[in-house]
Amino acid sequence: MSLKGRALQLLSRREHSRPELERKLAAHETEPGELARVLDELQARGFIDEQRVIDSLLHQRAASLGASRLRQELDARGVDPAAAADALAQIRDSEPERARALWQKRFGQPPADARERGRQMRFLLSRGFSAEIAARVLRGVPDESTDE
């Protein structure tokens, strides 16, 4: 299969950033510069678009992940840090309500003791929510009090 065919096959499954495609396709490059030419062509035709990668990831994962985990996933996909920071700033206001919804779905009731509180706190922290937001969710403080 040609390099272009492989790239299109990857892009047909989900959005990929250029660095991601470079990483995945480097082993299949037969002559120096071939990969760069193919990716330049795909980018010029609109098949590779960093903003679509960001939008796709946020659409799929924002409901179940906090900002730090979303940033990690965007970094892993090779997205420009400035573009990632802008996108994460746009969804920052919804973070407390997303954390609360995720907590409600998973646990639904306040922790009965310190052990359960730690378990619930670790769950939210592992999903990328800040300690402040996780503590606020466990205390049951309404989202409106998140003015910073």
N, C-alpha and C. Protein backbone atom coordinates (compact mmCIF):
# COMPACT_ATOMS: atom_id res chain seq x y z
N MET A 1 0.85 -1.18 0.00
CA MET A 1 0.00 0.00 0.00
C MET A 1 0.89 1.24 0.00
N SER A 2 0.48 2.25 -0.74
CA SER A 2 1.27 3.48 -0.83
C SER A 2 1.20 4.25 0.49
N LEU A 3 2.14 5.15 0.63
CA LEU A 3 2.19 5.99 1.82
C LEU A 3 0.93 6.85 1.92
N LYS A 4 0.51 7.38 0.81
CA LYS A 4 -0.71 8.20 0.78
C LYS A 4 -1.92 7.35 1.16
N GLY A 5 -1.97 6.14 0.65
CA GLY A 5 -3.07 5.23 0.97
C GLY A 5 -3.11 4.92 2.46
N ARG A 6 -1.94 4.69 3.04
CA ARG A 6 -1.88 4.43 4.49
C ARG A 6 -2.36 5.65 5.28
N ALA A 7 -1.92 6.83 4.85
CA ALA A 7 -2.32 8.05 5.55
C ALA A 7 -3.83 8.25 5.46
N LEU A 8 -4.39 8.05 4.28
CA LEU A 8 -5.84 8.20 4.12
C LEU A 8 -6.60 7.16 4.93
N GLN A 9 -6.05 5.97 5.02
CA GLN A 9 -6.69 4.93 5.83
C GLN A 9 -6.73 5.34 7.30
N LEU A 10 -5.62 5.88 7.80
CA LEU A 10 -5.59 6.37 9.19
C LEU A 10 -6.58 7.52 9.39
N LEU A 11 -6.60 8.44 8.42
CA LEU A 11 -7.49 9.59 8.53
C LEU A 11 -8.97 9.21 8.40
N SER A 12 -9.25 8.10 7.78
CA SER A 12 -10.64 7.67 7.64
C SER A 12 -11.20 7.15 8.96
N ARG A 13 -10.33 6.74 9.85
CA ARG A 13 -10.76 6.21 11.15
C ARG A 13 -11.03 7.31 12.15
N ARG A 14 -10.15 8.32 12.19
CA ARG A 14 -10.31 9.48 13.08
C ARG A 14 -9.37 10.58 12.61
N GLU A 15 -9.56 11.76 13.16
CA GLU A 15 -8.69 12.89 12.84
C GLU A 15 -7.30 12.63 13.43
N HIS A 16 -6.28 12.91 12.64
CA HIS A 16 -4.89 12.79 13.08
C HIS A 16 -4.18 14.11 12.82
N SER A 17 -3.29 14.48 13.73
CA SER A 17 -2.46 15.66 13.49
C SER A 17 -1.28 15.26 12.61
N ARG A 18 -0.63 16.24 12.06
CA ARG A 18 0.52 15.95 11.20
C ARG A 18 1.63 15.21 11.96
N PRO A 19 2.01 15.66 13.18
CA PRO A 19 3.05 14.91 13.90
C PRO A 19 2.66 13.46 14.18
N GLU A 20 1.38 13.24 14.42
CA GLU A 20 0.90 11.87 14.67
C GLU A 20 1.09 11.01 13.42
N LEU A 21 0.71 11.57 12.27
CA LEU A 21 0.87 10.83 11.02
C LEU A 21 2.34 10.59 10.71
N GLU A 22 3.17 11.58 10.97
CA GLU A 22 4.61 11.41 10.74
C GLU A 22 5.15 10.25 11.57
N ARG A 23 4.72 10.20 12.82
CA ARG A 23 5.18 9.14 13.72
C ARG A 23 4.71 7.76 13.25
N LYS A 24 3.46 7.68 12.84
CA LYS A 24 2.89 6.39 12.46
C LYS A 24 3.37 5.90 11.09
N LEU A 25 3.70 6.84 10.22
CA LEU A 25 4.04 6.45 8.85
C LEU A 25 5.54 6.45 8.55
N ALA A 26 6.35 6.91 9.46
CA ALA A 26 7.80 7.03 9.21
C ALA A 26 8.42 5.69 8.80
N ALA A 27 7.98 4.61 9.38
CA ALA A 27 8.55 3.29 9.07
C ALA A 27 8.22 2.83 7.65
N HIS A 28 7.21 3.43 7.05
CA HIS A 28 6.77 3.01 5.72
C HIS A 28 7.33 3.89 4.60
N GLU A 29 8.12 4.88 4.96
CA GLU A 29 8.71 5.79 3.97
C GLU A 29 9.80 5.04 3.20
N THR A 30 9.72 5.05 1.86
CA THR A 30 10.70 4.32 1.06
C THR A 30 11.85 5.21 0.58
N GLU A 31 11.57 6.50 0.39
CA GLU A 31 12.64 7.42 -0.02
C GLU A 31 12.57 8.69 0.82
N PRO A 32 13.71 9.29 1.10
CA PRO A 32 13.74 10.49 1.94
C PRO A 32 12.87 11.61 1.35
N GLY A 33 12.06 12.24 2.20
CA GLY A 33 11.23 13.35 1.76
C GLY A 33 9.86 12.94 1.25
N GLU A 34 9.66 11.65 0.99
CA GLU A 34 8.39 11.18 0.45
C GLU A 34 7.24 11.46 1.43
N LEU A 35 7.47 11.18 2.69
CA LEU A 35 6.43 11.38 3.70
C LEU A 35 6.04 12.85 3.80
N ALA A 36 7.02 13.73 3.81
CA ALA A 36 6.74 15.17 3.90
C ALA A 36 5.91 15.63 2.71
N ARG A 37 6.23 15.15 1.51
CA ARG A 37 5.48 15.53 0.32
C ARG A 37 4.03 15.06 0.41
N VAL A 38 3.85 13.82 0.83
CA VAL A 38 2.50 13.27 0.95
C VAL A 38 1.70 14.06 1.98
N LEU A 39 2.30 14.33 3.12
CA LEU A 39 1.58 15.06 4.17
C LEU A 39 1.31 16.51 3.77
N ASP A 40 2.24 17.12 3.03
CA ASP A 40 2.01 18.48 2.53
C ASP A 40 0.79 18.50 1.61
N GLU A 41 0.71 17.50 0.72
CA GLU A 41 -0.42 17.42 -0.21
C GLU A 41 -1.73 17.21 0.55
N LEU A 42 -1.73 16.31 1.51
CA LEU A 42 -2.95 16.06 2.28
C LEU A 42 -3.37 17.28 3.09
N GLN A 43 -2.39 18.00 3.61
CA GLN A 43 -2.70 19.20 4.37
C GLN A 43 -3.25 20.28 3.45
N ALA A 44 -2.67 20.43 2.27
CA ALA A 44 -3.14 21.43 1.30
C ALA A 44 -4.57 21.13 0.86
N ARG A 45 -4.93 19.88 0.79
CA ARG A 45 -6.29 19.49 0.37
C ARG A 45 -7.28 19.48 1.54
N GLY A 46 -6.79 19.76 2.74
CA GLY A 46 -7.69 19.85 3.89
C GLY A 46 -7.95 18.54 4.62
N PHE A 47 -7.21 17.50 4.28
CA PHE A 47 -7.38 16.23 4.98
C PHE A 47 -6.76 16.25 6.38
N ILE A 48 -5.73 17.07 6.54
CA ILE A 48 -5.08 17.22 7.85
C ILE A 48 -5.38 18.62 8.34
N ASP A 49 -6.04 18.72 9.48
CA ASP A 49 -6.42 20.01 10.03
C ASP A 49 -6.33 19.93 11.55
N GLU A 50 -5.41 20.71 12.12
CA GLU A 50 -5.17 20.66 13.56
C GLU A 50 -6.41 21.06 14.36
N GLN A 51 -7.16 22.05 13.88
CA GLN A 51 -8.35 22.48 14.61
C GLN A 51 -9.40 21.37 14.66
N ARG A 52 -9.52 20.61 13.59
CA ARG A 52 -10.46 19.47 13.61
C ARG A 52 -10.01 18.40 14.59
N VAL A 53 -8.71 18.19 14.72
CA VAL A 53 -8.17 17.24 15.70
C VAL A 53 -8.57 17.67 17.10
N ILE A 54 -8.38 18.96 17.39
CA ILE A 54 -8.73 19.49 18.71
C ILE A 54 -10.23 19.36 18.96
N ASP A 55 -11.03 19.82 18.01
CA ASP A 55 -12.49 19.77 18.17
C ASP A 55 -12.98 18.34 18.35
N SER A 56 -12.44 17.42 17.59
CA SER A 56 -12.83 16.02 17.68
C SER A 56 -12.52 15.44 19.05
N LEU A 57 -11.31 15.69 19.53
CA LEU A 57 -10.93 15.16 20.83
C LEU A 57 -11.79 15.76 21.93
N LEU A 58 -12.02 17.05 21.90
CA LEU A 58 -12.83 17.69 22.93
C LEU A 58 -14.27 17.19 22.88
N HIS A 59 -14.79 17.00 21.69
CA HIS A 59 -16.16 16.50 21.56
C HIS A 59 -16.29 15.09 22.14
N GLN A 60 -15.31 14.25 21.88
CA GLN A 60 -15.37 12.86 22.33
C GLN A 60 -15.03 12.68 23.79
N ARG A 61 -14.10 13.47 24.32
CA ARG A 61 -13.54 13.16 25.63
C ARG A 61 -13.82 14.18 26.74
N ALA A 62 -14.27 15.39 26.39
CA ALA A 62 -14.42 16.43 27.41
C ALA A 62 -15.44 16.08 28.48
N ALA A 63 -16.46 15.32 28.15
CA ALA A 63 -17.49 14.98 29.14
C ALA A 63 -16.94 14.11 30.26
N SER A 64 -15.89 13.36 29.98
CA SER A 64 -15.38 12.43 30.99
C SER A 64 -13.96 12.75 31.47
N LEU A 65 -13.38 13.85 31.00
CA LEU A 65 -12.02 14.19 31.41
C LEU A 65 -11.89 15.66 31.78
N GLY A 66 -10.99 15.93 32.70
CA GLY A 66 -10.68 17.30 33.09
C GLY A 66 -9.60 17.89 32.20
N ALA A 67 -9.31 19.14 32.44
CA ALA A 67 -8.39 19.89 31.58
C ALA A 67 -6.99 19.28 31.51
N SER A 68 -6.47 18.80 32.63
CA SER A 68 -5.10 18.29 32.58
C SER A 68 -5.00 17.02 31.75
N ARG A 69 -5.98 16.14 31.82
CA ARG A 69 -5.96 14.94 30.98
C ARG A 69 -6.20 15.27 29.52
N LEU A 70 -7.07 16.24 29.25
CA LEU A 70 -7.29 16.65 27.87
C LEU A 70 -6.02 17.25 27.28
N ARG A 71 -5.31 18.04 28.09
CA ARG A 71 -4.04 18.62 27.63
C ARG A 71 -3.03 17.51 27.32
N GLN A 72 -2.96 16.50 28.17
CA GLN A 72 -2.06 15.36 27.93
C GLN A 72 -2.40 14.67 26.61
N GLU A 73 -3.67 14.46 26.36
CA GLU A 73 -4.07 13.78 25.13
C GLU A 73 -3.77 14.63 23.90
N LEU A 74 -3.98 15.94 24.00
CA LEU A 74 -3.65 16.82 22.89
C LEU A 74 -2.14 16.85 22.65
N ASP A 75 -1.37 16.88 23.74
CA ASP A 75 0.10 16.83 23.61
C ASP A 75 0.54 15.54 22.96
N ALA A 76 -0.07 14.43 23.34
CA ALA A 76 0.30 13.13 22.77
C ALA A 76 0.00 13.08 21.27
N ARG A 77 -0.98 13.83 20.85
CA ARG A 77 -1.33 13.86 19.42
C ARG A 77 -0.51 14.88 18.65
N GLY A 78 0.37 15.59 19.35
CA GLY A 78 1.26 16.53 18.66
C GLY A 78 0.62 17.85 18.31
N VAL A 79 -0.44 18.22 19.00
CA VAL A 79 -1.11 19.49 18.73
C VAL A 79 -0.29 20.63 19.29
N ASP A 80 -0.29 21.75 18.59
CA ASP A 80 0.43 22.95 19.01
C ASP A 80 -0.04 23.36 20.41
N PRO A 81 0.89 23.53 21.36
CA PRO A 81 0.50 23.87 22.74
C PRO A 81 -0.35 25.13 22.85
N ALA A 82 -0.09 26.13 22.03
CA ALA A 82 -0.88 27.37 22.09
C ALA A 82 -2.32 27.12 21.64
N ALA A 83 -2.49 26.33 20.59
CA ALA A 83 -3.84 26.01 20.11
C ALA A 83 -4.58 25.17 21.14
N ALA A 84 -3.87 24.25 21.78
CA ALA A 84 -4.48 23.42 22.82
C ALA A 84 -4.90 24.28 24.00
N ALA A 85 -4.05 25.22 24.40
CA ALA A 85 -4.37 26.09 25.53
C ALA A 85 -5.60 26.95 25.23
N ASP A 86 -5.70 27.45 24.00
CA ASP A 86 -6.87 28.25 23.62
C ASP A 86 -8.15 27.42 23.69
N ALA A 87 -8.09 26.20 23.18
CA ALA A 87 -9.26 25.33 23.18
C ALA A 87 -9.67 24.96 24.61
N LEU A 88 -8.69 24.68 25.44
CA LEU A 88 -9.00 24.32 26.84
C LEU A 88 -9.53 25.51 27.61
N ALA A 89 -9.09 26.71 27.27
CA ALA A 89 -9.61 27.91 27.94
C ALA A 89 -11.09 28.10 27.63
N GLN A 90 -11.51 27.70 26.45
CA GLN A 90 -12.91 27.84 26.06
C GLN A 90 -13.83 26.92 26.85
N ILE A 91 -13.33 25.76 27.27
CA ILE A 91 -14.19 24.83 28.01
C ILE A 91 -13.93 24.88 29.51
N ARG A 92 -13.07 25.78 29.95
CA ARG A 92 -12.70 25.88 31.36
C ARG A 92 -13.90 26.12 32.26
N ASP A 93 -14.81 26.96 31.83
CA ASP A 93 -15.97 27.30 32.65
C ASP A 93 -16.88 26.11 32.91
N SER A 94 -16.86 25.14 32.02
CA SER A 94 -17.75 23.98 32.18
C SER A 94 -17.12 22.87 33.02
N GLU A 95 -15.87 23.06 33.44
CA GLU A 95 -15.17 22.00 34.16
C GLU A 95 -15.88 21.56 35.46
N PRO A 96 -16.32 22.48 36.31
CA PRO A 96 -17.01 22.03 37.54
C PRO A 96 -18.27 21.22 37.25
N GLU A 97 -19.05 21.65 36.28
CA GLU A 97 -20.28 20.90 35.98
C GLU A 97 -19.98 19.56 35.32
N ARG A 98 -18.92 19.49 34.52
CA ARG A 98 -18.54 18.20 33.92
C ARG A 98 -18.05 17.24 35.00
N ALA A 99 -17.28 17.77 35.97
CA ALA A 99 -16.80 16.93 37.08
C ALA A 99 -17.97 16.44 37.91
N ARG A 100 -18.92 17.33 38.19
CA ARG A 100 -20.09 16.95 38.97
C ARG A 100 -20.92 15.89 38.26
N ALA A 101 -21.12 16.06 36.95
CA ALA A 101 -21.90 15.08 36.19
C ALA A 101 -21.21 13.72 36.18
N LEU A 102 -19.90 13.72 36.01
CA LEU A 102 -19.15 12.47 36.01
C LEU A 102 -19.21 11.80 37.39
N TRP A 103 -19.05 12.59 38.45
CA TRP A 103 -19.13 12.07 39.81
C TRP A 103 -20.54 11.51 40.07
N GLN A 104 -21.55 12.24 39.64
CA GLN A 104 -22.94 11.80 39.85
C GLN A 104 -23.20 10.47 39.15
N LYS A 105 -22.69 10.35 37.94
CA LYS A 105 -22.89 9.12 37.18
C LYS A 105 -22.18 7.95 37.85
N ARG A 106 -20.99 8.19 38.37
CA ARG A 106 -20.17 7.12 38.95
C ARG A 106 -20.58 6.77 40.38
N PHE A 107 -20.82 7.79 41.21
CA PHE A 107 -21.05 7.54 42.63
C PHE A 107 -22.47 7.91 43.08
N GLY A 108 -22.93 9.10 42.73
CA GLY A 108 -24.29 9.50 43.03
C GLY A 108 -24.60 9.91 44.45
N GLN A 109 -23.74 9.62 45.39
CA GLN A 109 -23.99 10.02 46.77
C GLN A 109 -22.69 10.44 47.44
N PRO A 110 -22.79 11.34 48.40
CA PRO A 110 -21.59 11.82 49.09
C PRO A 110 -20.87 10.68 49.81
N PRO A 111 -19.57 10.82 49.99
CA PRO A 111 -18.82 9.77 50.68
C PRO A 111 -19.27 9.62 52.13
N ALA A 112 -19.36 8.37 52.56
CA ALA A 112 -19.82 8.09 53.92
C ALA A 112 -18.69 8.22 54.94
N ASP A 113 -17.46 7.99 54.52
CA ASP A 113 -16.33 8.06 55.45
C ASP A 113 -15.09 8.55 54.71
N ALA A 114 -14.01 8.66 55.43
CA ALA A 114 -12.76 9.19 54.85
C ALA A 114 -12.22 8.29 53.74
N ARG A 115 -12.36 6.99 53.91
CA ARG A 115 -11.86 6.06 52.89
C ARG A 115 -12.61 6.25 51.57
N GLU A 116 -13.92 6.35 51.66
CA GLU A 116 -14.73 6.55 50.46
C GLU A 116 -14.48 7.93 49.86
N ARG A 117 -14.25 8.93 50.69
CA ARG A 117 -13.93 10.27 50.20
C ARG A 117 -12.62 10.23 49.39
N GLY A 118 -11.63 9.54 49.92
CA GLY A 118 -10.37 9.41 49.21
C GLY A 118 -10.54 8.70 47.88
N ARG A 119 -11.36 7.67 47.87
CA ARG A 119 -11.62 6.91 46.63
C ARG A 119 -12.28 7.81 45.58
N GLN A 120 -13.28 8.57 46.00
CA GLN A 120 -13.98 9.45 45.07
C GLN A 120 -13.07 10.58 44.59
N MET A 121 -12.25 11.09 45.51
CA MET A 121 -11.31 12.16 45.15
C MET A 121 -10.28 11.65 44.14
N ARG A 122 -9.74 10.46 44.40
CA ARG A 122 -8.75 9.88 43.47
C ARG A 122 -9.37 9.65 42.09
N PHE A 123 -10.62 9.24 42.06
CA PHE A 123 -11.29 9.03 40.77
C PHE A 123 -11.31 10.32 39.96
N LEU A 124 -11.75 11.41 40.58
CA LEU A 124 -11.83 12.68 39.86
C LEU A 124 -10.44 13.20 39.48
N LEU A 125 -9.46 13.04 40.38
CA LEU A 125 -8.10 13.48 40.07
C LEU A 125 -7.51 12.68 38.92
N SER A 126 -7.78 11.38 38.90
CA SER A 126 -7.24 10.54 37.83
C SER A 126 -7.87 10.87 36.48
N ARG A 127 -9.04 11.47 36.49
CA ARG A 127 -9.68 11.89 35.25
C ARG A 127 -9.21 13.26 34.79
N GLY A 128 -8.31 13.88 35.56
CA GLY A 128 -7.72 15.14 35.12
C GLY A 128 -8.37 16.39 35.68
N PHE A 129 -9.25 16.25 36.66
CA PHE A 129 -9.84 17.43 37.28
C PHE A 129 -8.92 17.92 38.38
N SER A 130 -8.92 19.21 38.62
CA SER A 130 -8.05 19.77 39.66
C SER A 130 -8.53 19.35 41.04
N ALA A 131 -7.63 19.41 42.01
CA ALA A 131 -7.98 19.05 43.39
C ALA A 131 -9.04 20.00 43.93
N GLU A 132 -8.98 21.26 43.55
CA GLU A 132 -9.97 22.23 44.00
C GLU A 132 -11.36 21.88 43.50
N ILE A 133 -11.46 21.55 42.24
CA ILE A 133 -12.77 21.20 41.66
C ILE A 133 -13.26 19.88 42.25
N ALA A 134 -12.38 18.91 42.40
CA ALA A 134 -12.78 17.62 42.98
C ALA A 134 -13.29 17.82 44.41
N ALA A 135 -12.59 18.61 45.19
CA ALA A 135 -13.02 18.86 46.57
C ALA A 135 -14.36 19.58 46.60
N ARG A 136 -14.55 20.52 45.70
CA ARG A 136 -15.81 21.26 45.63
C ARG A 136 -16.97 20.32 45.28
N VAL A 137 -16.73 19.41 44.37
CA VAL A 137 -17.76 18.44 43.99
C VAL A 137 -18.12 17.56 45.18
N LEU A 138 -17.11 17.08 45.90
CA LEU A 138 -17.37 16.21 47.04
C LEU A 138 -18.04 16.94 48.20
N ARG A 139 -17.78 18.23 48.33
CA ARG A 139 -18.44 19.03 49.37
C ARG A 139 -19.85 19.39 48.98
N GLY A 140 -20.14 19.28 47.68
CA GLY A 140 -21.48 19.62 47.20
C GLY A 140 -21.70 21.10 47.01
N VAL A 141 -20.61 21.86 46.84
CA VAL A 141 -20.74 23.30 46.62
C VAL A 141 -21.30 23.52 45.22
N PRO A 142 -22.33 24.35 45.09
CA PRO A 142 -22.93 24.60 43.76
C PRO A 142 -21.91 25.18 42.77
N ASP A 143 -22.11 24.89 41.50
CA ASP A 143 -21.20 25.34 40.44
C ASP A 143 -21.13 26.85 40.34
N GLU A 144 -22.18 27.56 40.73
CA GLU A 144 -22.21 29.01 40.57
C GLU A 144 -21.14 29.68 41.43
N SER A 145 -20.64 29.02 42.45
CA SER A 145 -19.64 29.64 43.33
C SER A 145 -18.23 29.51 42.81
N THR A 146 -18.06 29.17 41.54
CA THR A 146 -16.73 28.96 40.99
C THR A 146 -16.10 30.23 40.43
N ASP A 147 -16.66 31.42 40.76
CA ASP A 147 -16.06 32.65 40.28
C ASP A 147 -14.64 32.76 40.79
N GLU A 148 -13.74 33.00 39.87
CA GLU A 148 -12.33 33.06 40.26
C GLU A 148 -11.73 34.37 39.88
